[in-house]
Amino acid sequence: MAFALIFGIVFSMPNFISIKCDVKPGELDQNKTCGKKITLGLDLQGGLHMLLGIKSEVAIDSKIKSMAATVKYIFDDEEIIFDDLRINDDQRISFELLDADDVVKAKTLLTKEIEGTTFTESGLKFVVSMTDEEKIRTEQNAIAQAVDTIRNRLNEFGLAEPTVAKQGEDKILVEVPGVKTQDDKERLKILIERAAHLQLMAVDEDRIARVSTMSKAEAKSFGNVILEDVNTPEKYLLRAIPVLDGSMLTDAKVGFDDQNQPLINFTLNGQGAKIFGDFTGKYVGKRMAVVLDNKVYSAPVINERIGGGRVQISGNFEFSEAQDLAIALRSGALLAPVTIESERFIGPSLGADSIKASSLALLLGFVLVVIFMVLYYGFAGVIANVALIGNLFLILAIMSLAGATLTLPGMAGIVLTVGMAVDANVIINERIRELLHQGKSIAKSIEDGYNNAFTAIFDANVTTLIAAIVLVVYGTGAIKGFAITMGIGIIASMLTAIVGTHGLYQWLLPKMDKKKLGFWFGIKTEGVK
């Protein structure tokens, strides 16, 4: 019991004593404190509430581009000569082989390397299309990936744990506690909506001189796209099928150039590094554009083969902008763009009222339980109250160490836990009193009382814990917050009510006198055999 109290008090202290920490540049939370502590949910401290829609059909276009890039890579790698590789208006990939001897090899590679597609052939011409099953799977993956990606981005933002969950068939609920200013709100919205779709694309050097007069339709007829520079009106004519994309990115960090201006360094995985190295080695003297969300950030001339898979993005960034962009790149690109369909900026006044009311309920319930236990069970009630205090500190400590978010239903769960925690001691004390009435010694009554009560306490708590686990796994928002605190409270109460109080009884046993059972257990001596 002593260890549980010390552990609980030490690790719950950051919730009561604030120690200011150094804040990294660009972090939103400028009042960050040291030590792990419980964070308050949206309903308690206010924040941003948004409902997002997702254009999952765009994910199919991205998937087809990725498939086309894969076709180009595997054919180049296997030295299969082909021409006129393009994506048609009907979302099909077409190309023509130049050597009839490569037909069998090409068909084998298409079947083996590119899943979810079918293809038709007419002589040396091939048309590759995505299956209906793959389209459905891609749209579903786009929603699931958007949930994970947005959650990862927000987790890296230095704020309290956000809530990001799928709602309905194609909506995403986002709740971010602790957002208090309009500037923070705008930064979050940009970070959430940013697709962060990175592509490295070859410049069409043969036709770029005519880009200012070329239409998008004409560019498409050549298998190209026209994209603008991120900072200037300059236009670039680029090959529509990228050399590689952000799916091969493994890391992105903010760095600085020779003029101390922020830039982003990113690293490619093994396959991406090989593709990048082979391309830069083959096209020395040509230009390659770094494209992010359909904007050209740079288009440097390739002077030599670049190995190692390390690339830079420069674009006259502000530090906070570069940091947010690096977060988006690390977290992964959204397969489909999201749109904010509704948003609410919730103030902290509701949270203050809720905290006050919940704290009052917790305090009142705690005091009434403490008084009842002492009046009805005597010193045994004091022991139960010590266990109850230890239980509350343990709940706070465990939630602090886990970085859990406390919501209003979570506070209700703590209030409920107070009653559940003392319930175990009520059962134990009643068993001890029954055995004392039967004339057994104090030591025997305590041991048998715990043994007889254990099964009932264990079964009741385990069944409740199972229900709490199910709610945590399948519940969201308020339900999950309630279940987490209740589950932690159940585990803590098992430790304090059974193990802790039993130890206290063993320690006090030599001092107990059967003539003073009214003091120790709240029963009259004459009622005992």
Protein backbone atom coordinates (compact mmCIF):
# COMPACT_ATOMS: atom_id res chain seq x y z
CA MET A 1 0.00 0.00 0.00
CA ALA A 2 2.86 2.38 0.86
CA PHE A 3 4.49 1.75 -2.52
CA ALA A 4 1.17 2.34 -4.33
CA LEU A 5 0.65 5.64 -2.48
CA ILE A 6 4.20 6.85 -3.17
CA PHE A 7 4.01 5.81 -6.82
CA GLY A 8 0.62 7.46 -7.25
CA ILE A 9 1.60 10.72 -5.56
CA VAL A 10 4.96 11.09 -7.36
CA PHE A 11 3.67 10.46 -10.88
CA SER A 12 0.44 12.41 -10.43
CA MET A 13 2.25 15.53 -9.12
CA PRO A 14 2.77 17.10 -12.63
CA ASN A 15 -1.02 17.50 -12.73
CA PHE A 16 -0.91 19.76 -9.68
CA ILE A 17 2.50 21.48 -9.98
CA SER A 18 3.43 23.16 -13.29
CA ILE A 19 7.11 23.31 -14.32
CA LYS A 20 7.75 25.41 -17.42
CA CYS A 21 9.62 23.68 -20.24
CA ASP A 22 11.59 25.01 -23.17
CA VAL A 23 9.40 25.17 -26.27
CA LYS A 24 10.79 24.35 -29.70
CA PRO A 25 10.41 26.99 -32.41
CA GLY A 26 7.17 26.59 -34.32
CA GLU A 27 5.31 24.60 -31.66
CA LEU A 28 1.78 25.77 -31.05
CA ASP A 29 1.77 25.13 -27.31
CA GLN A 30 3.87 27.97 -25.96
CA ASN A 31 2.86 27.14 -22.37
CA LYS A 32 4.20 23.60 -22.49
CA THR A 33 5.09 22.10 -19.09
CA CYS A 34 7.57 19.42 -18.12
CA GLY A 35 6.56 16.02 -16.81
CA LYS A 36 3.93 13.65 -18.10
CA LYS A 37 0.45 14.81 -17.19
CA ILE A 38 -3.16 14.18 -18.04
CA THR A 39 -4.36 16.29 -20.94
CA LEU A 40 -7.88 17.67 -20.94
CA GLY A 41 -10.22 16.74 -23.75
CA LEU A 42 -12.07 19.08 -26.07
CA ASP A 43 -15.11 19.25 -23.80
CA LEU A 44 -13.00 20.40 -20.84
CA GLN A 45 -10.49 22.87 -22.27
CA GLY A 46 -12.05 23.88 -25.60
CA GLY A 47 -10.49 23.57 -29.03
CA LEU A 48 -11.29 22.88 -32.66
CA HIS A 49 -14.07 20.55 -33.86
CA MET A 50 -14.22 19.72 -37.58
CA LEU A 51 -16.08 17.36 -39.88
CA LEU A 52 -14.15 16.49 -43.04
CA GLY A 53 -15.31 15.12 -46.36
CA ILE A 54 -12.99 13.17 -48.65
CA LYS A 55 -12.88 12.99 -52.43
CA SER A 56 -12.03 9.31 -52.59
CA GLU A 57 -12.40 9.18 -56.38
CA VAL A 58 -9.20 11.25 -56.68
CA ALA A 59 -7.35 8.36 -55.04
CA ILE A 60 -8.09 6.26 -58.12
CA ASP A 61 -6.35 8.81 -60.36
CA SER A 62 -3.31 8.81 -58.06
CA LYS A 63 -3.27 5.02 -58.01
CA ILE A 64 -3.30 4.86 -61.80
CA LYS A 65 -0.39 7.33 -62.00
CA SER A 66 1.52 5.19 -59.54
CA MET A 67 0.78 2.10 -61.66
CA ALA A 68 2.02 3.87 -64.78
CA ALA A 69 5.23 4.86 -62.98
CA THR A 70 5.66 1.23 -61.92
CA VAL A 71 5.21 0.04 -65.51
CA LYS A 72 7.92 2.46 -66.67
CA TYR A 73 10.29 1.43 -63.89
CA ILE A 74 9.99 -2.35 -64.31
CA PHE A 75 10.20 -2.13 -68.09
CA ASP A 76 13.31 0.07 -67.92
CA ASP A 77 14.80 -2.25 -65.32
CA GLU A 78 14.16 -5.31 -67.51
CA GLU A 79 15.35 -3.43 -70.65
CA ILE A 80 12.01 -3.77 -72.41
CA ILE A 81 11.78 -1.14 -75.14
CA PHE A 82 8.41 0.66 -75.28
CA ASP A 83 6.94 3.90 -76.53
CA ASP A 84 3.98 6.26 -75.99
CA LEU A 85 3.31 5.34 -72.34
CA ARG A 86 0.37 7.49 -71.25
CA ILE A 87 -2.76 7.67 -69.10
CA ASN A 88 -5.91 8.07 -71.21
CA ASP A 89 -9.09 9.97 -70.41
CA ASP A 90 -10.86 6.71 -69.49
CA GLN A 91 -8.33 6.08 -66.69
CA ARG A 92 -6.50 3.40 -68.64
CA ILE A 93 -2.77 3.09 -69.22
CA SER A 94 -1.64 2.47 -72.76
CA PHE A 95 1.77 1.82 -74.33
CA GLU A 96 3.31 0.11 -77.35
CA LEU A 97 6.20 -2.33 -77.39
CA LEU A 98 8.82 -1.91 -80.09
CA ASP A 99 10.08 -5.50 -80.08
CA ALA A 100 7.77 -8.48 -80.57
CA ASP A 101 10.19 -10.65 -78.57
CA ASP A 102 9.30 -8.65 -75.42
CA VAL A 103 5.56 -9.43 -75.51
CA VAL A 104 5.66 -12.59 -73.37
CA LYS A 105 8.04 -11.00 -70.88
CA ALA A 106 5.91 -7.86 -70.63
CA LYS A 107 2.73 -9.87 -70.02
CA THR A 108 4.46 -11.84 -67.25
CA LEU A 109 5.68 -8.67 -65.55
CA LEU A 110 2.27 -6.98 -65.74
CA THR A 111 0.60 -10.03 -64.20
CA LYS A 112 3.21 -10.52 -61.49
CA GLU A 113 4.24 -6.98 -60.50
CA ILE A 114 1.06 -4.89 -60.75
CA GLU A 115 -1.85 -6.16 -58.67
CA GLY A 116 -5.48 -5.21 -59.17
CA THR A 117 -5.26 -4.71 -62.93
CA THR A 118 -6.28 -6.39 -66.14
CA PHE A 119 -4.81 -5.77 -69.57
CA THR A 120 -5.67 -6.32 -73.20
CA GLU A 121 -3.28 -6.54 -76.12
CA SER A 122 -3.55 -5.93 -79.81
CA GLY A 123 -0.32 -6.82 -81.48
CA LEU A 124 2.31 -4.74 -79.73
CA LYS A 125 -0.18 -2.31 -78.17
CA PHE A 126 -1.25 -2.83 -74.56
CA VAL A 127 -4.04 -1.25 -72.50
CA VAL A 128 -3.92 -1.70 -68.71
CA SER A 129 -6.99 -0.94 -66.58
CA MET A 130 -7.84 -1.16 -62.89
CA THR A 131 -10.37 -3.77 -61.80
CA ASP A 132 -13.64 -2.72 -60.17
CA GLU A 133 -12.64 -4.51 -56.98
CA GLU A 134 -9.36 -2.58 -56.88
CA LYS A 135 -11.21 0.73 -57.36
CA ILE A 136 -13.50 -0.02 -54.40
CA ARG A 137 -10.53 -1.09 -52.29
CA THR A 138 -8.62 2.06 -53.26
CA GLU A 139 -11.50 4.34 -52.24
CA GLN A 140 -11.86 2.54 -48.88
CA ASN A 141 -8.11 2.68 -48.32
CA ALA A 142 -8.14 6.41 -49.07
CA ILE A 143 -10.52 7.04 -46.16
CA ALA A 144 -8.67 4.76 -43.73
CA GLN A 145 -5.32 6.23 -44.79
CA ALA A 146 -6.64 9.78 -44.39
CA VAL A 147 -7.67 9.02 -40.79
CA ASP A 148 -4.22 7.60 -39.96
CA THR A 149 -2.33 10.34 -41.81
CA ILE A 150 -4.24 13.23 -40.22
CA ARG A 151 -3.87 11.63 -36.79
CA ASN A 152 -0.09 11.26 -37.31
CA ARG A 153 0.22 14.87 -38.43
CA LEU A 154 -1.65 16.20 -35.43
CA ASN A 155 0.25 13.97 -33.00
CA GLU A 156 3.51 15.54 -34.22
CA PHE A 157 2.14 19.05 -33.76
CA GLY A 158 2.94 19.31 -30.05
CA LEU A 159 -0.67 19.49 -28.81
CA ALA A 160 -2.88 17.35 -26.61
CA GLU A 161 -3.90 14.00 -28.05
CA PRO A 162 -6.38 14.67 -30.88
CA THR A 163 -9.43 12.65 -31.80
CA VAL A 164 -9.51 11.55 -35.44
CA ALA A 165 -12.12 8.96 -36.37
CA LYS A 166 -14.14 7.81 -39.36
CA GLN A 167 -17.77 8.90 -39.17
CA GLY A 168 -20.30 7.27 -41.44
CA GLU A 169 -19.16 6.02 -44.83
CA ASP A 170 -17.07 8.93 -46.09
CA LYS A 171 -16.68 11.50 -43.28
CA ILE A 172 -13.88 12.10 -40.78
CA LEU A 173 -14.36 13.64 -37.34
CA VAL A 174 -11.44 15.72 -36.03
CA GLU A 175 -11.28 17.19 -32.52
CA VAL A 176 -8.13 19.00 -31.37
CA PRO A 177 -8.10 20.20 -27.75
CA GLY A 178 -6.04 23.22 -26.76
CA VAL A 179 -6.40 25.31 -29.92
CA LYS A 180 -7.09 28.79 -28.59
CA THR A 181 -6.14 31.34 -31.25
CA GLN A 182 -7.24 32.01 -34.81
CA ASP A 183 -3.64 31.69 -36.07
CA ASP A 184 -3.28 28.22 -34.53
CA LYS A 185 -6.60 27.25 -36.05
CA GLU A 186 -5.50 28.34 -39.54
CA ARG A 187 -2.19 26.46 -39.24
CA LEU A 188 -4.03 23.30 -38.27
CA LYS A 189 -6.50 23.63 -41.13
CA ILE A 190 -3.67 24.04 -43.65
CA LEU A 191 -1.84 21.04 -42.20
CA ILE A 192 -4.97 18.87 -42.30
CA GLU A 193 -6.00 19.87 -45.82
CA ARG A 194 -2.52 19.70 -47.33
CA ALA A 195 -2.29 16.70 -49.63
CA ALA A 196 1.55 16.65 -49.32
CA HIS A 197 1.73 14.76 -52.62
CA LEU A 198 5.41 14.79 -53.55
CA GLN A 199 6.57 13.92 -57.07
CA LEU A 200 9.87 14.08 -58.89
CA MET A 201 9.09 14.73 -62.56
CA ALA A 202 11.18 15.00 -65.70
CA VAL A 203 11.10 18.27 -67.67
CA ASP A 204 10.21 17.91 -71.36
CA GLU A 205 13.24 19.80 -72.67
CA ASP A 206 12.21 19.35 -76.33
CA ARG A 207 8.94 21.28 -76.04
CA ILE A 208 9.29 23.48 -72.96
CA ALA A 209 10.15 26.53 -75.09
CA ARG A 210 6.50 26.53 -76.27
CA VAL A 211 4.96 26.06 -72.81
CA SER A 212 3.67 29.65 -72.57
CA THR A 213 1.51 29.18 -75.69
CA MET A 214 0.66 25.51 -75.25
CA SER A 215 -2.77 24.45 -74.04
CA LYS A 216 -3.29 21.74 -71.43
CA ALA A 217 -4.98 19.57 -74.05
CA GLU A 218 -1.97 19.84 -76.38
CA ALA A 219 0.39 19.07 -73.50
CA LYS A 220 -1.68 16.02 -72.66
CA SER A 221 -1.46 14.79 -76.24
CA PHE A 222 2.30 14.62 -75.74
CA GLY A 223 1.92 12.80 -72.40
CA ASN A 224 2.80 15.97 -70.47
CA VAL A 225 1.27 18.32 -67.88
CA ILE A 226 1.73 22.05 -67.35
CA LEU A 227 2.46 23.11 -63.77
CA GLU A 228 3.27 26.51 -62.30
CA ASP A 229 6.14 27.56 -60.06
CA VAL A 230 5.16 27.97 -56.39
CA ASN A 231 6.60 31.50 -56.15
CA THR A 232 6.49 32.94 -59.68
CA PRO A 233 4.15 32.83 -62.70
CA GLU A 234 6.70 30.66 -64.56
CA LYS A 235 5.27 27.49 -66.13
CA TYR A 236 6.91 24.10 -66.61
CA LEU A 237 6.18 21.38 -69.11
CA LEU A 238 6.65 18.08 -67.30
CA ARG A 239 6.26 14.42 -68.14
CA ALA A 240 2.86 13.38 -66.71
CA ILE A 241 4.15 10.09 -65.36
CA PRO A 242 6.45 10.93 -62.43
CA VAL A 243 9.91 9.47 -61.95
CA LEU A 244 8.90 8.62 -58.39
CA ASP A 245 6.49 9.89 -55.72
CA GLY A 246 6.23 10.46 -52.00
CA SER A 247 5.28 6.86 -51.26
CA MET A 248 9.02 6.13 -51.43
CA LEU A 249 9.88 8.82 -48.87
CA THR A 250 11.12 7.64 -45.47
CA ASP A 251 11.94 10.88 -43.64
CA ALA A 252 11.70 14.66 -43.96
CA LYS A 253 13.43 17.26 -41.79
CA VAL A 254 13.89 21.02 -41.78
CA GLY A 255 17.39 22.26 -42.65
CA PHE A 256 19.03 25.51 -43.69
CA ASP A 257 20.87 26.61 -46.84
CA ASP A 258 24.00 28.79 -47.12
CA GLN A 259 21.89 31.94 -46.62
CA ASN A 260 20.34 30.41 -43.46
CA GLN A 261 16.97 30.04 -45.21
CA PRO A 262 14.79 27.06 -44.22
CA LEU A 263 14.60 24.12 -46.62
CA ILE A 264 13.41 20.53 -46.36
CA ASN A 265 15.70 17.54 -46.62
CA PHE A 266 13.99 14.26 -47.40
CA THR A 267 15.25 10.72 -47.72
CA LEU A 268 14.03 7.98 -50.07
CA ASN A 269 13.76 4.28 -49.37
CA GLY A 270 15.93 1.69 -51.14
CA GLN A 271 13.76 1.40 -54.24
CA GLY A 272 13.32 5.16 -54.48
CA ALA A 273 17.05 5.77 -54.06
CA LYS A 274 17.80 3.30 -56.88
CA ILE A 275 15.21 4.86 -59.22
CA PHE A 276 16.50 8.36 -58.37
CA GLY A 277 20.12 7.35 -58.85
CA ASP A 278 19.44 5.61 -62.18
CA PHE A 279 17.42 8.55 -63.50
CA THR A 280 19.94 11.22 -62.53
CA GLY A 281 22.75 9.11 -64.00
CA LYS A 282 20.91 8.64 -67.29
CA TYR A 283 19.74 12.25 -67.72
CA VAL A 284 22.81 14.32 -66.80
CA GLY A 285 22.40 17.82 -68.24
CA LYS A 286 18.60 17.60 -68.12
CA ARG A 287 16.27 19.09 -65.53
CA MET A 288 14.13 17.35 -62.96
CA ALA A 289 11.34 19.18 -61.11
CA VAL A 290 10.50 18.75 -57.43
CA VAL A 291 6.68 18.98 -57.38
CA LEU A 292 4.56 19.24 -54.26
CA ASP A 293 0.77 19.35 -54.53
CA ASN A 294 0.99 20.21 -58.24
CA LYS A 295 3.32 23.18 -57.66
CA VAL A 296 6.94 23.23 -58.85
CA TYR A 297 9.26 24.12 -55.97
CA SER A 298 12.50 23.75 -57.92
CA ALA A 299 13.70 22.39 -61.25
CA PRO A 300 17.49 22.03 -61.03
CA VAL A 301 19.78 20.79 -63.78
CA ILE A 302 21.21 17.33 -63.09
CA ASN A 303 25.00 17.75 -63.09
CA GLU A 304 25.89 14.21 -62.08
CA ARG A 305 24.43 10.98 -60.82
CA ILE A 306 22.98 11.48 -57.33
CA GLY A 307 23.11 8.43 -55.09
CA GLY A 308 21.99 7.89 -51.50
CA GLY A 309 18.37 8.94 -52.08
CA ARG A 310 18.71 12.39 -50.47
CA VAL A 311 16.81 15.32 -52.00
CA GLN A 312 16.12 18.93 -50.97
CA ILE A 313 13.06 21.15 -51.35
CA SER A 314 13.64 24.91 -51.25
CA GLY A 315 10.94 27.51 -51.70
CA ASN A 316 11.45 30.66 -49.61
CA PHE A 317 9.77 29.03 -46.62
CA GLU A 318 9.03 30.58 -43.27
CA PHE A 319 10.38 28.31 -40.53
CA SER A 320 6.91 27.34 -39.25
CA GLU A 321 5.77 26.63 -42.83
CA ALA A 322 8.80 24.43 -43.46
CA GLN A 323 8.22 22.61 -40.19
CA ASP A 324 4.55 21.96 -40.96
CA LEU A 325 5.43 20.77 -44.46
CA ALA A 326 8.06 18.38 -43.09
CA ILE A 327 5.43 16.99 -40.69
CA ALA A 328 3.02 16.47 -43.60
CA LEU A 329 5.69 14.71 -45.68
CA ARG A 330 6.78 12.45 -42.81
CA SER A 331 3.19 11.52 -42.04
CA GLY A 332 2.53 10.59 -45.66
CA ALA A 333 0.54 12.06 -48.50
CA LEU A 334 -3.23 11.93 -48.52
CA LEU A 335 -4.39 9.55 -51.22
CA ALA A 336 -7.40 11.80 -51.77
CA PRO A 337 -7.97 15.46 -50.85
CA VAL A 338 -10.11 16.32 -47.84
CA THR A 339 -12.48 19.25 -47.48
CA ILE A 340 -13.69 20.88 -44.29
CA GLU A 341 -17.46 20.58 -44.36
CA SER A 342 -18.11 22.07 -40.94
CA GLU A 343 -16.05 23.50 -38.11
CA ARG A 344 -16.66 24.85 -34.63
CA PHE A 345 -14.28 26.81 -32.45
CA ILE A 346 -15.24 25.67 -28.94
CA GLY A 347 -14.26 28.03 -26.13
CA PRO A 348 -13.00 26.95 -22.69
CA SER A 349 -15.97 28.35 -20.70
CA LEU A 350 -17.92 25.08 -21.07
CA GLY A 351 -14.83 23.22 -19.91
CA ALA A 352 -14.44 25.41 -16.81
CA ASP A 353 -18.07 24.84 -15.81
CA SER A 354 -17.79 21.13 -16.51
CA ILE A 355 -14.59 20.77 -14.51
CA LYS A 356 -16.11 22.66 -11.58
CA ALA A 357 -19.29 20.56 -11.57
CA SER A 358 -17.43 17.26 -12.00
CA SER A 359 -14.87 18.15 -9.34
CA LEU A 360 -17.69 19.02 -6.95
CA ALA A 361 -19.42 15.71 -7.66
CA LEU A 362 -16.15 13.80 -7.17
CA LEU A 363 -15.34 15.64 -3.93
CA LEU A 364 -18.86 15.28 -2.52
CA GLY A 365 -19.05 11.61 -3.39
CA PHE A 366 -15.60 11.01 -1.93
CA VAL A 367 -16.37 12.81 1.35
CA LEU A 368 -19.70 11.02 1.82
CA VAL A 369 -18.11 7.62 1.19
CA VAL A 370 -15.26 8.39 3.61
CA ILE A 371 -17.66 9.48 6.36
CA PHE A 372 -19.93 6.47 5.89
CA MET A 373 -17.03 3.99 5.96
CA VAL A 374 -15.63 5.43 9.20
CA LEU A 375 -19.02 5.62 10.95
CA TYR A 376 -20.14 2.14 9.90
CA TYR A 377 -16.89 0.10 9.93
CA GLY A 378 -14.76 1.97 12.45
CA PHE A 379 -11.00 1.71 11.87
CA ALA A 380 -11.61 -0.85 9.11
CA GLY A 381 -13.36 2.02 7.31
CA VAL A 382 -10.23 4.16 7.77
CA ILE A 383 -8.18 1.40 6.10
CA ALA A 384 -10.68 1.29 3.24
CA ASN A 385 -10.43 5.08 2.89
CA VAL A 386 -6.64 4.90 2.70
CA ALA A 387 -7.06 2.37 -0.12
CA LEU A 388 -9.55 4.71 -1.81
CA ILE A 389 -7.10 7.63 -1.68
CA GLY A 390 -4.36 5.40 -3.04
CA ASN A 391 -6.72 4.28 -5.79
CA LEU A 392 -7.40 7.87 -6.90
CA PHE A 393 -3.69 8.73 -6.97
CA LEU A 394 -2.95 5.54 -8.93
CA ILE A 395 -5.59 6.44 -11.53
CA LEU A 396 -4.06 9.90 -11.98
CA ALA A 397 -0.52 8.48 -12.11
CA ILE A 398 -1.32 5.80 -14.69
CA MET A 399 -3.26 8.23 -16.88
CA SER A 400 -0.38 10.73 -16.62
CA LEU A 401 2.27 8.16 -17.59
CA ALA A 402 0.11 6.98 -20.49
CA GLY A 403 -0.50 10.57 -21.63
CA ALA A 404 -4.23 9.87 -21.53
CA THR A 405 -6.82 12.51 -22.34
CA LEU A 406 -9.39 13.23 -19.67
CA THR A 407 -12.87 14.04 -20.94
CA LEU A 408 -16.08 14.90 -19.10
CA PRO A 409 -17.35 11.27 -19.37
CA GLY A 410 -13.90 10.24 -18.13
CA MET A 411 -14.43 12.31 -15.00
CA ALA A 412 -17.77 10.55 -14.58
CA GLY A 413 -15.85 7.28 -14.83
CA ILE A 414 -13.59 8.38 -11.96
CA VAL A 415 -16.63 9.27 -9.83
CA LEU A 416 -18.06 5.81 -10.56
CA THR A 417 -14.71 4.23 -9.72
CA VAL A 418 -14.84 5.77 -6.23
CA GLY A 419 -17.95 3.73 -5.49
CA MET A 420 -16.59 0.60 -7.15
CA ALA A 421 -13.26 0.86 -5.31
CA VAL A 422 -14.85 1.01 -1.86
CA ASP A 423 -17.35 -1.73 -2.78
CA ALA A 424 -14.59 -4.36 -2.60
CA ASN A 425 -13.71 -3.28 0.94
CA VAL A 426 -17.39 -3.36 1.93
CA ILE A 427 -17.57 -7.01 0.83
CA ILE A 428 -14.33 -7.85 2.69
CA ASN A 429 -15.38 -6.07 5.87
CA GLU A 430 -18.77 -7.77 5.88
CA ARG A 431 -17.11 -11.20 5.50
CA ILE A 432 -14.73 -10.39 8.39
CA ARG A 433 -17.62 -9.24 10.59
CA GLU A 434 -19.61 -12.40 9.83
CA LEU A 435 -16.67 -14.58 10.89
CA LEU A 436 -16.13 -12.54 14.06
CA HIS A 437 -19.78 -13.04 14.96
CA GLN A 438 -19.19 -16.79 14.56
CA GLY A 439 -16.52 -16.58 17.28
CA LYS A 440 -13.39 -16.93 15.15
CA SER A 441 -10.22 -15.07 16.07
CA ILE A 442 -9.39 -11.74 14.48
CA ALA A 443 -6.46 -13.22 12.51
CA LYS A 444 -8.57 -16.14 11.24
CA SER A 445 -11.49 -13.84 10.44
CA ILE A 446 -9.27 -11.52 8.38
CA GLU A 447 -7.64 -14.34 6.39
CA ASP A 448 -10.89 -16.22 5.72
CA GLY A 449 -12.71 -12.95 5.08
CA TYR A 450 -10.30 -12.08 2.27
CA ASN A 451 -10.37 -15.61 0.88
CA ASN A 452 -14.19 -15.75 0.88
CA ALA A 453 -14.56 -12.29 -0.64
CA PHE A 454 -11.91 -12.66 -3.30
CA THR A 455 -13.97 -14.73 -5.75
CA ALA A 456 -16.93 -12.36 -5.71
CA ILE A 457 -14.71 -9.28 -6.03
CA PHE A 458 -12.58 -10.81 -8.78
CA ASP A 459 -15.55 -12.01 -10.86
CA ALA A 460 -17.36 -8.67 -10.58
CA ASN A 461 -14.31 -6.63 -11.53
CA VAL A 462 -13.23 -8.89 -14.40
CA THR A 463 -16.66 -8.82 -16.02
CA THR A 464 -16.76 -5.03 -15.72
CA LEU A 465 -13.21 -4.79 -17.08
CA ILE A 466 -14.18 -6.90 -20.11
CA ALA A 467 -17.01 -4.46 -20.85
CA ALA A 468 -14.59 -1.53 -20.47
CA ILE A 469 -12.09 -3.12 -22.88
CA VAL A 470 -14.81 -3.67 -25.48
CA LEU A 471 -15.84 0.00 -25.18
CA VAL A 472 -12.22 1.12 -25.58
CA VAL A 473 -11.68 -1.03 -28.68
CA TYR A 474 -14.95 -0.25 -30.44
CA GLY A 475 -16.03 3.01 -28.82
CA THR A 476 -15.09 6.53 -29.87
CA GLY A 477 -15.03 9.93 -28.24
CA ALA A 478 -17.00 10.19 -25.02
CA ILE A 479 -17.62 6.44 -24.68
CA LYS A 480 -13.93 5.65 -25.03
CA GLY A 481 -12.94 8.28 -22.45
CA PHE A 482 -15.39 6.86 -19.93
CA ALA A 483 -14.21 3.29 -20.54
CA ILE A 484 -10.51 4.14 -20.20
CA THR A 485 -10.85 5.78 -16.79
CA MET A 486 -13.20 3.07 -15.57
CA GLY A 487 -10.82 0.33 -16.72
CA ILE A 488 -7.82 1.96 -15.04
CA GLY A 489 -9.89 2.45 -11.89
CA ILE A 490 -10.89 -1.22 -11.79
CA ILE A 491 -7.29 -2.42 -12.07
CA ALA A 492 -6.11 0.09 -9.45
CA SER A 493 -8.91 -0.86 -7.05
CA MET A 494 -8.01 -4.54 -7.31
CA LEU A 495 -4.49 -3.66 -6.22
CA THR A 496 -5.38 -1.29 -3.40
CA ALA A 497 -8.55 -2.92 -2.07
CA ILE A 498 -7.27 -6.51 -1.96
CA VAL A 499 -3.47 -6.43 -1.78
CA GLY A 500 -3.03 -3.04 -0.09
CA THR A 501 -5.63 -3.31 2.67
CA HIS A 502 -4.65 -6.92 3.41
CA GLY A 503 -1.11 -5.72 4.07
CA LEU A 504 -2.37 -2.99 6.40
CA TYR A 505 -4.40 -5.54 8.40
CA GLN A 506 -1.32 -7.77 8.72
CA TRP A 507 0.67 -4.82 9.99
CA LEU A 508 -1.96 -3.79 12.52
CA LEU A 509 -2.92 -7.33 13.63
CA PRO A 510 -0.70 -7.42 16.77
CA LYS A 511 -2.41 -4.26 18.04
CA MET A 512 -5.96 -5.49 17.53
CA ASP A 513 -7.91 -6.50 20.60
CA LYS A 514 -11.09 -8.57 20.44
CA LYS A 515 -12.49 -6.46 23.27
CA LYS A 516 -12.40 -3.41 21.04
CA LEU A 517 -14.13 -4.79 17.97
CA GLY A 518 -16.38 -1.72 17.93
CA PHE A 519 -13.33 0.45 17.36
CA TRP A 520 -11.62 -1.84 14.86
CA PHE A 521 -14.58 -3.20 12.88
CA GLY A 522 -17.63 -1.20 14.00
CA ILE A 523 -19.39 -4.10 15.76
CA LYS A 524 -20.44 -4.53 19.37
CA THR A 525 -18.40 -6.90 21.53
CA GLU A 526 -21.47 -8.48 23.15
CA GLY A 527 -22.67 -9.58 19.73
CA VAL A 528 -19.62 -11.78 19.29
CA LYS A 529 -19.47 -15.39 20.50
